[in-house]
Amino acid sequence: MLTDNGHHAACVDAWLLRAARDLSGEQRVQLFEAALGVLWSHTRTTLGEVTLGAIAVRVAYGAAERFPLFTGLTVDPIGGFQGRRLRAHVGAAHDAELTAGMHFVLVEFLSVLGNLTAEILTPELHAALMEVSLPESASARAAPATLSITPDGAVAESDRS
């Protein structure tokens, strides 16, 4: 793992806190794929698909070594990171492993890209990441329900809207 002096990790932490809060595991994988797609598209012209693909394979391999769930993260040489297999196994995953793996992949990908480009793309990539979110209707529709206590002491399920 590369060291990023904290600036990539701080950006990813802020993004995860803002964009992934209250999302189901499947929605977080969807958000994660969207984030990786945005980073891929912002760097494809500068680095080219072959270089970007090699970086992505390295990052995906490192993630799979640390987080077994992430063996489902694959790389398409043209389309970038693919999470179809990851999404298929997310139901059995612990939230902590999913979040830690997402964090690792994003920080590692940003770190390699930053080191390779002398951090020239970093401000643009951080800004692009901060803009990634699920459409409001998708996150509101499938947000996990909360439990509350009614005035008569019963436990009730309420929506988050």
N, C-alpha and C. Protein backbone atom coordinates (compact mmCIF):
# COMPACT_ATOMS: atom_id res chain seq x y z
N MET A 1 0.85 -1.18 0.00
CA MET A 1 0.00 0.00 0.00
C MET A 1 0.89 1.24 0.00
N LEU A 2 0.50 2.20 -0.79
CA LEU A 2 1.23 3.46 -0.84
C LEU A 2 0.81 4.35 0.31
N THR A 3 1.72 5.22 0.70
CA THR A 3 1.33 6.22 1.68
C THR A 3 0.83 7.44 0.93
N ASP A 4 -0.19 8.07 1.48
CA ASP A 4 -0.75 9.21 0.77
C ASP A 4 -0.66 10.49 1.61
N ASN A 5 0.07 10.44 2.71
CA ASN A 5 0.21 11.59 3.62
C ASN A 5 -1.14 12.10 4.10
N GLY A 6 -2.16 11.30 4.00
CA GLY A 6 -3.45 11.61 4.57
C GLY A 6 -4.41 12.40 3.71
N HIS A 7 -3.94 13.06 2.66
CA HIS A 7 -4.87 13.91 1.92
C HIS A 7 -5.88 13.10 1.10
N HIS A 8 -5.49 11.98 0.55
CA HIS A 8 -6.46 11.14 -0.17
C HIS A 8 -7.43 10.49 0.83
N ALA A 9 -6.89 10.00 1.94
CA ALA A 9 -7.74 9.37 2.95
C ALA A 9 -8.74 10.37 3.52
N ALA A 10 -8.32 11.59 3.74
CA ALA A 10 -9.24 12.62 4.27
C ALA A 10 -10.36 12.90 3.28
N CYS A 11 -10.03 12.95 2.01
CA CYS A 11 -11.06 13.18 0.98
C CYS A 11 -12.04 12.01 0.93
N VAL A 12 -11.52 10.80 0.92
CA VAL A 12 -12.38 9.60 0.86
C VAL A 12 -13.25 9.52 2.12
N ASP A 13 -12.65 9.80 3.29
CA ASP A 13 -13.44 9.78 4.53
C ASP A 13 -14.60 10.76 4.45
N ALA A 14 -14.31 11.98 4.03
CA ALA A 14 -15.35 13.01 3.93
C ALA A 14 -16.44 12.59 2.95
N TRP A 15 -16.03 12.02 1.82
CA TRP A 15 -17.00 11.58 0.82
C TRP A 15 -17.87 10.45 1.37
N LEU A 16 -17.24 9.45 2.00
CA LEU A 16 -18.02 8.33 2.55
C LEU A 16 -19.01 8.80 3.60
N LEU A 17 -18.58 9.71 4.46
CA LEU A 17 -19.49 10.23 5.49
C LEU A 17 -20.68 10.96 4.88
N ARG A 18 -20.44 11.68 3.81
CA ARG A 18 -21.52 12.44 3.18
C ARG A 18 -22.38 11.56 2.28
N ALA A 19 -21.77 10.81 1.40
CA ALA A 19 -22.51 10.12 0.34
C ALA A 19 -23.02 8.73 0.72
N ALA A 20 -22.35 8.03 1.61
CA ALA A 20 -22.71 6.64 1.89
C ALA A 20 -23.51 6.47 3.17
N ARG A 21 -23.74 7.54 3.89
CA ARG A 21 -24.48 7.45 5.15
C ARG A 21 -25.88 6.90 4.89
N ASP A 22 -26.28 5.95 5.70
CA ASP A 22 -27.63 5.37 5.68
C ASP A 22 -27.96 4.58 4.41
N LEU A 23 -26.97 4.21 3.62
CA LEU A 23 -27.23 3.40 2.43
C LEU A 23 -27.11 1.92 2.78
N SER A 24 -27.88 1.11 2.09
CA SER A 24 -27.76 -0.34 2.24
C SER A 24 -26.44 -0.78 1.61
N GLY A 25 -26.04 -2.01 1.86
CA GLY A 25 -24.80 -2.53 1.28
C GLY A 25 -24.83 -2.49 -0.24
N GLU A 26 -25.93 -2.91 -0.82
CA GLU A 26 -26.04 -2.91 -2.28
C GLU A 26 -25.94 -1.48 -2.84
N GLN A 27 -26.56 -0.54 -2.15
CA GLN A 27 -26.49 0.85 -2.60
C GLN A 27 -25.07 1.40 -2.47
N ARG A 28 -24.37 0.98 -1.41
CA ARG A 28 -22.99 1.45 -1.25
C ARG A 28 -22.10 0.91 -2.36
N VAL A 29 -22.33 -0.32 -2.78
CA VAL A 29 -21.56 -0.86 -3.91
C VAL A 29 -21.89 -0.08 -5.18
N GLN A 30 -23.14 0.24 -5.38
CA GLN A 30 -23.56 1.04 -6.53
C GLN A 30 -22.86 2.42 -6.50
N LEU A 31 -22.83 3.04 -5.34
CA LEU A 31 -22.15 4.32 -5.16
C LEU A 31 -20.65 4.19 -5.42
N PHE A 32 -20.06 3.13 -4.90
CA PHE A 32 -18.64 2.83 -5.07
C PHE A 32 -18.29 2.67 -6.55
N GLU A 33 -19.12 1.93 -7.28
CA GLU A 33 -18.90 1.76 -8.72
C GLU A 33 -18.99 3.10 -9.45
N ALA A 34 -19.94 3.92 -9.05
CA ALA A 34 -20.08 5.24 -9.67
C ALA A 34 -18.84 6.09 -9.40
N ALA A 35 -18.33 6.04 -8.18
CA ALA A 35 -17.13 6.81 -7.84
C ALA A 35 -15.93 6.35 -8.65
N LEU A 36 -15.73 5.04 -8.73
CA LEU A 36 -14.61 4.52 -9.51
C LEU A 36 -14.76 4.87 -10.99
N GLY A 37 -15.98 4.85 -11.49
CA GLY A 37 -16.23 5.22 -12.88
C GLY A 37 -15.88 6.67 -13.16
N VAL A 38 -16.22 7.55 -12.23
CA VAL A 38 -15.89 8.97 -12.39
C VAL A 38 -14.38 9.16 -12.36
N LEU A 39 -13.70 8.53 -11.43
CA LEU A 39 -12.23 8.66 -11.37
C LEU A 39 -11.59 8.10 -12.64
N TRP A 40 -12.10 6.97 -13.12
CA TRP A 40 -11.59 6.35 -14.34
C TRP A 40 -11.75 7.32 -15.52
N SER A 41 -12.94 7.88 -15.67
CA SER A 41 -13.19 8.75 -16.82
C SER A 41 -12.37 10.03 -16.76
N HIS A 42 -12.07 10.53 -15.57
CA HIS A 42 -11.27 11.74 -15.44
C HIS A 42 -9.78 11.50 -15.71
N THR A 43 -9.34 10.26 -15.66
CA THR A 43 -7.91 9.98 -15.88
C THR A 43 -7.62 9.23 -17.18
N ARG A 44 -8.64 8.73 -17.83
CA ARG A 44 -8.44 7.90 -19.03
C ARG A 44 -7.69 8.65 -20.13
N THR A 45 -8.03 9.89 -20.38
CA THR A 45 -7.38 10.64 -21.45
C THR A 45 -5.91 10.89 -21.14
N THR A 46 -5.63 11.24 -19.90
CA THR A 46 -4.26 11.56 -19.50
C THR A 46 -3.36 10.33 -19.49
N LEU A 47 -3.83 9.24 -18.91
CA LEU A 47 -2.98 8.07 -18.71
C LEU A 47 -3.17 6.97 -19.75
N GLY A 48 -4.32 6.93 -20.39
CA GLY A 48 -4.59 5.88 -21.36
C GLY A 48 -5.15 4.64 -20.68
N GLU A 49 -5.87 3.86 -21.45
CA GLU A 49 -6.55 2.69 -20.90
C GLU A 49 -5.59 1.59 -20.45
N VAL A 50 -4.47 1.42 -21.14
CA VAL A 50 -3.54 0.36 -20.76
C VAL A 50 -2.91 0.66 -19.39
N THR A 51 -2.43 1.87 -19.22
CA THR A 51 -1.82 2.26 -17.93
C THR A 51 -2.86 2.23 -16.83
N LEU A 52 -4.02 2.80 -17.10
CA LEU A 52 -5.09 2.84 -16.11
C LEU A 52 -5.53 1.42 -15.74
N GLY A 53 -5.62 0.55 -16.74
CA GLY A 53 -5.99 -0.84 -16.47
C GLY A 53 -4.98 -1.54 -15.59
N ALA A 54 -3.69 -1.31 -15.84
CA ALA A 54 -2.64 -1.92 -15.01
C ALA A 54 -2.72 -1.43 -13.57
N ILE A 55 -2.97 -0.15 -13.39
CA ILE A 55 -3.12 0.41 -12.05
C ILE A 55 -4.32 -0.22 -11.36
N ALA A 56 -5.43 -0.29 -12.07
CA ALA A 56 -6.66 -0.83 -11.49
C ALA A 56 -6.50 -2.29 -11.09
N VAL A 57 -5.83 -3.08 -11.91
CA VAL A 57 -5.60 -4.49 -11.58
C VAL A 57 -4.77 -4.59 -10.30
N ARG A 58 -3.75 -3.75 -10.19
CA ARG A 58 -2.90 -3.76 -8.99
C ARG A 58 -3.71 -3.40 -7.75
N VAL A 59 -4.54 -2.38 -7.86
CA VAL A 59 -5.36 -1.94 -6.72
C VAL A 59 -6.37 -3.03 -6.35
N ALA A 60 -7.03 -3.61 -7.34
CA ALA A 60 -8.02 -4.67 -7.08
C ALA A 60 -7.36 -5.88 -6.43
N TYR A 61 -6.16 -6.23 -6.87
CA TYR A 61 -5.44 -7.36 -6.28
C TYR A 61 -5.12 -7.08 -4.81
N GLY A 62 -4.63 -5.88 -4.54
CA GLY A 62 -4.31 -5.51 -3.16
C GLY A 62 -5.55 -5.52 -2.27
N ALA A 63 -6.66 -5.07 -2.81
CA ALA A 63 -7.91 -5.07 -2.04
C ALA A 63 -8.36 -6.49 -1.74
N ALA A 64 -8.25 -7.37 -2.72
CA ALA A 64 -8.67 -8.77 -2.53
C ALA A 64 -7.80 -9.47 -1.49
N GLU A 65 -6.52 -9.12 -1.43
CA GLU A 65 -5.64 -9.72 -0.42
C GLU A 65 -6.05 -9.31 1.00
N ARG A 66 -6.46 -8.08 1.16
CA ARG A 66 -6.82 -7.56 2.48
C ARG A 66 -8.27 -7.82 2.87
N PHE A 67 -9.14 -7.80 1.89
CA PHE A 67 -10.58 -7.91 2.13
C PHE A 67 -11.15 -8.98 1.20
N PRO A 68 -11.34 -10.20 1.67
CA PRO A 68 -11.79 -11.30 0.80
C PRO A 68 -13.04 -10.98 -0.01
N LEU A 69 -13.94 -10.18 0.53
CA LEU A 69 -15.13 -9.78 -0.22
C LEU A 69 -14.77 -9.13 -1.55
N PHE A 70 -13.63 -8.46 -1.59
CA PHE A 70 -13.25 -7.70 -2.78
C PHE A 70 -12.58 -8.55 -3.86
N THR A 71 -12.59 -9.88 -3.70
CA THR A 71 -12.21 -10.73 -4.83
C THR A 71 -13.25 -10.58 -5.93
N GLY A 72 -14.43 -10.08 -5.58
CA GLY A 72 -15.48 -9.84 -6.56
C GLY A 72 -15.31 -8.55 -7.34
N LEU A 73 -14.31 -7.74 -7.02
CA LEU A 73 -14.04 -6.52 -7.78
C LEU A 73 -13.11 -6.88 -8.93
N THR A 74 -13.56 -6.69 -10.14
CA THR A 74 -12.77 -7.03 -11.31
C THR A 74 -12.48 -5.78 -12.13
N VAL A 75 -11.63 -5.94 -13.13
CA VAL A 75 -11.25 -4.80 -13.97
C VAL A 75 -11.46 -5.17 -15.43
N ASP A 76 -12.19 -4.34 -16.12
CA ASP A 76 -12.36 -4.45 -17.57
C ASP A 76 -11.38 -3.46 -18.19
N PRO A 77 -10.54 -3.88 -19.14
CA PRO A 77 -9.53 -2.98 -19.69
C PRO A 77 -10.08 -1.70 -20.30
N ILE A 78 -11.31 -1.74 -20.76
CA ILE A 78 -11.89 -0.54 -21.38
C ILE A 78 -12.86 0.16 -20.42
N GLY A 79 -13.64 -0.63 -19.70
CA GLY A 79 -14.67 -0.05 -18.84
C GLY A 79 -14.24 0.25 -17.42
N GLY A 80 -13.08 -0.23 -17.01
CA GLY A 80 -12.60 0.04 -15.66
C GLY A 80 -13.08 -0.98 -14.65
N PHE A 81 -13.15 -0.53 -13.40
CA PHE A 81 -13.56 -1.40 -12.31
C PHE A 81 -15.00 -1.87 -12.52
N GLN A 82 -15.23 -3.15 -12.21
CA GLN A 82 -16.56 -3.75 -12.32
C GLN A 82 -16.91 -4.40 -10.98
N GLY A 83 -18.09 -4.10 -10.47
CA GLY A 83 -18.48 -4.63 -9.17
C GLY A 83 -19.65 -5.60 -9.20
N ARG A 84 -19.96 -6.16 -10.36
CA ARG A 84 -21.10 -7.10 -10.43
C ARG A 84 -20.94 -8.26 -9.45
N ARG A 85 -19.77 -8.88 -9.45
CA ARG A 85 -19.55 -10.02 -8.54
C ARG A 85 -19.48 -9.56 -7.09
N LEU A 86 -18.94 -8.39 -6.86
CA LEU A 86 -18.91 -7.83 -5.51
C LEU A 86 -20.34 -7.62 -5.01
N ARG A 87 -21.18 -7.05 -5.86
CA ARG A 87 -22.58 -6.79 -5.51
C ARG A 87 -23.31 -8.09 -5.17
N ALA A 88 -22.96 -9.17 -5.86
CA ALA A 88 -23.62 -10.45 -5.63
C ALA A 88 -23.34 -11.01 -4.24
N HIS A 89 -22.21 -10.63 -3.64
CA HIS A 89 -21.82 -11.17 -2.33
C HIS A 89 -22.01 -10.18 -1.20
N VAL A 90 -22.49 -8.99 -1.49
CA VAL A 90 -22.55 -7.95 -0.47
C VAL A 90 -23.54 -8.26 0.65
N GLY A 91 -24.58 -9.03 0.38
CA GLY A 91 -25.56 -9.36 1.41
C GLY A 91 -24.96 -10.12 2.56
N ALA A 92 -23.97 -10.95 2.28
CA ALA A 92 -23.34 -11.75 3.31
C ALA A 92 -22.19 -11.02 4.00
N ALA A 93 -21.86 -9.84 3.51
CA ALA A 93 -20.72 -9.10 4.04
C ALA A 93 -21.09 -8.30 5.28
N HIS A 94 -20.11 -8.09 6.10
CA HIS A 94 -20.27 -7.19 7.23
C HIS A 94 -20.09 -5.77 6.73
N ASP A 95 -20.87 -4.86 7.27
CA ASP A 95 -20.77 -3.46 6.88
C ASP A 95 -19.34 -2.94 7.01
N ALA A 96 -18.67 -3.33 8.08
CA ALA A 96 -17.32 -2.83 8.34
C ALA A 96 -16.36 -3.26 7.23
N GLU A 97 -16.46 -4.52 6.78
CA GLU A 97 -15.57 -4.99 5.72
C GLU A 97 -15.84 -4.28 4.41
N LEU A 98 -17.10 -4.08 4.10
CA LEU A 98 -17.45 -3.39 2.86
C LEU A 98 -16.92 -1.96 2.88
N THR A 99 -17.17 -1.24 3.96
CA THR A 99 -16.72 0.14 4.06
C THR A 99 -15.19 0.23 4.04
N ALA A 100 -14.53 -0.63 4.79
CA ALA A 100 -13.06 -0.62 4.83
C ALA A 100 -12.47 -0.94 3.46
N GLY A 101 -13.07 -1.89 2.76
CA GLY A 101 -12.59 -2.24 1.43
C GLY A 101 -12.79 -1.12 0.43
N MET A 102 -13.95 -0.47 0.49
CA MET A 102 -14.21 0.67 -0.38
C MET A 102 -13.18 1.77 -0.11
N HIS A 103 -12.95 2.05 1.16
CA HIS A 103 -11.99 3.08 1.55
C HIS A 103 -10.60 2.73 1.01
N PHE A 104 -10.18 1.48 1.22
CA PHE A 104 -8.86 1.04 0.76
C PHE A 104 -8.71 1.24 -0.74
N VAL A 105 -9.68 0.76 -1.51
CA VAL A 105 -9.58 0.84 -2.98
C VAL A 105 -9.49 2.29 -3.43
N LEU A 106 -10.36 3.13 -2.91
CA LEU A 106 -10.36 4.53 -3.34
C LEU A 106 -9.07 5.25 -2.96
N VAL A 107 -8.60 5.06 -1.73
CA VAL A 107 -7.36 5.72 -1.30
C VAL A 107 -6.18 5.19 -2.10
N GLU A 108 -6.12 3.89 -2.29
CA GLU A 108 -5.01 3.31 -3.04
C GLU A 108 -5.01 3.78 -4.50
N PHE A 109 -6.19 3.79 -5.12
CA PHE A 109 -6.29 4.24 -6.51
C PHE A 109 -5.87 5.70 -6.63
N LEU A 110 -6.38 6.55 -5.75
CA LEU A 110 -5.99 7.96 -5.77
C LEU A 110 -4.50 8.15 -5.49
N SER A 111 -3.95 7.34 -4.59
CA SER A 111 -2.53 7.44 -4.26
C SER A 111 -1.64 7.07 -5.45
N VAL A 112 -1.97 5.98 -6.11
CA VAL A 112 -1.17 5.57 -7.28
C VAL A 112 -1.28 6.63 -8.38
N LEU A 113 -2.49 7.09 -8.64
CA LEU A 113 -2.68 8.13 -9.66
C LEU A 113 -1.93 9.41 -9.28
N GLY A 114 -2.00 9.77 -8.02
CA GLY A 114 -1.29 10.96 -7.55
C GLY A 114 0.21 10.83 -7.69
N ASN A 115 0.76 9.69 -7.29
CA ASN A 115 2.20 9.48 -7.42
C ASN A 115 2.65 9.47 -8.87
N LEU A 116 1.86 8.87 -9.72
CA LEU A 116 2.21 8.77 -11.13
C LEU A 116 2.17 10.13 -11.84
N THR A 117 1.28 11.00 -11.39
CA THR A 117 1.11 12.30 -12.06
C THR A 117 1.66 13.46 -11.24
N ALA A 118 2.47 13.18 -10.24
CA ALA A 118 3.02 14.21 -9.36
C ALA A 118 1.89 15.06 -8.74
N GLU A 119 0.77 14.40 -8.44
CA GLU A 119 -0.39 15.01 -7.80
C GLU A 119 -1.08 16.10 -8.63
N ILE A 120 -0.74 16.20 -9.91
CA ILE A 120 -1.34 17.23 -10.76
C ILE A 120 -2.85 17.02 -10.93
N LEU A 121 -3.27 15.76 -11.01
CA LEU A 121 -4.70 15.48 -11.18
C LEU A 121 -5.47 15.44 -9.86
N THR A 122 -4.76 15.43 -8.75
CA THR A 122 -5.41 15.22 -7.45
C THR A 122 -6.53 16.20 -7.14
N PRO A 123 -6.35 17.51 -7.29
CA PRO A 123 -7.47 18.41 -6.97
C PRO A 123 -8.72 18.13 -7.81
N GLU A 124 -8.52 17.85 -9.08
CA GLU A 124 -9.65 17.54 -9.96
C GLU A 124 -10.32 16.23 -9.56
N LEU A 125 -9.51 15.22 -9.22
CA LEU A 125 -10.07 13.93 -8.83
C LEU A 125 -10.81 14.02 -7.50
N HIS A 126 -10.25 14.74 -6.55
CA HIS A 126 -10.94 14.92 -5.27
C HIS A 126 -12.26 15.64 -5.46
N ALA A 127 -12.26 16.68 -6.27
CA ALA A 127 -13.50 17.44 -6.53
C ALA A 127 -14.53 16.55 -7.22
N ALA A 128 -14.09 15.75 -8.18
CA ALA A 128 -15.00 14.85 -8.89
C ALA A 128 -15.59 13.81 -7.93
N LEU A 129 -14.76 13.25 -7.07
CA LEU A 129 -15.25 12.27 -6.09
C LEU A 129 -16.30 12.88 -5.18
N MET A 130 -16.07 14.08 -4.72
CA MET A 130 -17.00 14.72 -3.80
C MET A 130 -18.37 14.98 -4.43
N GLU A 131 -18.43 14.98 -5.75
CA GLU A 131 -19.70 15.20 -6.45
C GLU A 131 -20.50 13.92 -6.66
N VAL A 132 -19.89 12.77 -6.44
CA VAL A 132 -20.56 11.49 -6.70
C VAL A 132 -21.55 11.18 -5.58
N SER A 133 -22.78 10.90 -5.98
CA SER A 133 -23.80 10.47 -5.03
C SER A 133 -24.86 9.67 -5.80
N LEU A 134 -25.67 8.95 -5.07
CA LEU A 134 -26.79 8.26 -5.70
C LEU A 134 -27.90 9.27 -5.89
N PRO A 135 -28.72 9.07 -6.91
CA PRO A 135 -29.87 9.96 -7.06
C PRO A 135 -30.71 9.93 -5.77
N GLU A 136 -31.22 11.06 -5.39
CA GLU A 136 -32.00 11.18 -4.13
C GLU A 136 -33.11 10.16 -4.04
N SER A 137 -33.81 9.92 -5.14
CA SER A 137 -34.94 8.98 -5.10
C SER A 137 -34.47 7.56 -4.81
N ALA A 138 -33.32 7.18 -5.35
CA ALA A 138 -32.81 5.82 -5.12
C ALA A 138 -32.39 5.63 -3.68
N SER A 139 -31.70 6.61 -3.10
CA SER A 139 -31.25 6.44 -1.73
C SER A 139 -32.40 6.58 -0.75
N ALA A 140 -33.37 7.43 -1.03
CA ALA A 140 -34.51 7.59 -0.12
C ALA A 140 -35.43 6.38 -0.18
N ARG A 141 -35.61 5.84 -1.38
CA ARG A 141 -36.54 4.73 -1.56
C ARG A 141 -36.06 3.47 -0.84
N ALA A 142 -34.78 3.21 -0.87
CA ALA A 142 -34.28 1.95 -0.31
C ALA A 142 -33.51 2.14 0.98
N ALA A 143 -33.59 3.30 1.59
CA ALA A 143 -32.87 3.53 2.84
C ALA A 143 -33.42 2.60 3.92
N PRO A 144 -32.54 2.11 4.77
CA PRO A 144 -33.01 1.22 5.82
C PRO A 144 -33.99 1.94 6.75
N ALA A 145 -34.95 1.20 7.23
CA ALA A 145 -35.93 1.80 8.14
C ALA A 145 -35.29 1.97 9.51
N THR A 146 -35.87 2.86 10.30
CA THR A 146 -35.41 3.03 11.68
C THR A 146 -36.49 2.53 12.60
N LEU A 147 -36.09 2.17 13.79
CA LEU A 147 -37.05 1.72 14.79
C LEU A 147 -37.24 2.83 15.80
N SER A 148 -38.47 3.00 16.24
CA SER A 148 -38.75 4.02 17.24
C SER A 148 -39.75 3.45 18.25
N ILE A 149 -39.85 4.15 19.38
CA ILE A 149 -40.79 3.74 20.42
C ILE A 149 -42.02 4.64 20.32
N THR A 150 -43.18 4.04 20.22
CA THR A 150 -44.43 4.81 20.15
C THR A 150 -44.82 5.24 21.56
N PRO A 151 -45.78 6.18 21.69
CA PRO A 151 -46.21 6.63 23.01
C PRO A 151 -46.72 5.50 23.92
N ASP A 152 -47.24 4.43 23.34
CA ASP A 152 -47.73 3.33 24.17
C ASP A 152 -46.64 2.29 24.46
N GLY A 153 -45.37 2.59 24.08
CA GLY A 153 -44.24 1.72 24.41
C GLY A 153 -43.95 0.64 23.40
N ALA A 154 -44.65 0.63 22.30
CA ALA A 154 -44.40 -0.38 21.27
C ALA A 154 -43.27 0.05 20.37
N VAL A 155 -42.59 -0.92 19.79
CA VAL A 155 -41.54 -0.63 18.81
C VAL A 155 -42.21 -0.55 17.45
N ALA A 156 -41.92 0.54 16.72
CA ALA A 156 -42.51 0.71 15.40
C ALA A 156 -41.42 1.03 14.40
N GLU A 157 -41.67 0.64 13.16
CA GLU A 157 -40.75 0.94 12.08
C GLU A 157 -41.20 2.24 11.44
N SER A 158 -40.25 3.13 11.22
CA SER A 158 -40.60 4.39 10.55
C SER A 158 -39.64 4.62 9.40
N ASP A 159 -40.10 5.35 8.38
CA ASP A 159 -39.22 5.60 7.25
C ASP A 159 -38.33 6.79 7.58
N ARG A 160 -37.27 6.99 6.75
CA ARG A 160 -36.30 8.04 7.01
C ARG A 160 -36.63 9.33 6.30
N SER A 161 -37.74 9.41 5.61
CA SER A 161 -38.02 10.63 4.86
C SER A 161 -38.56 11.75 5.72
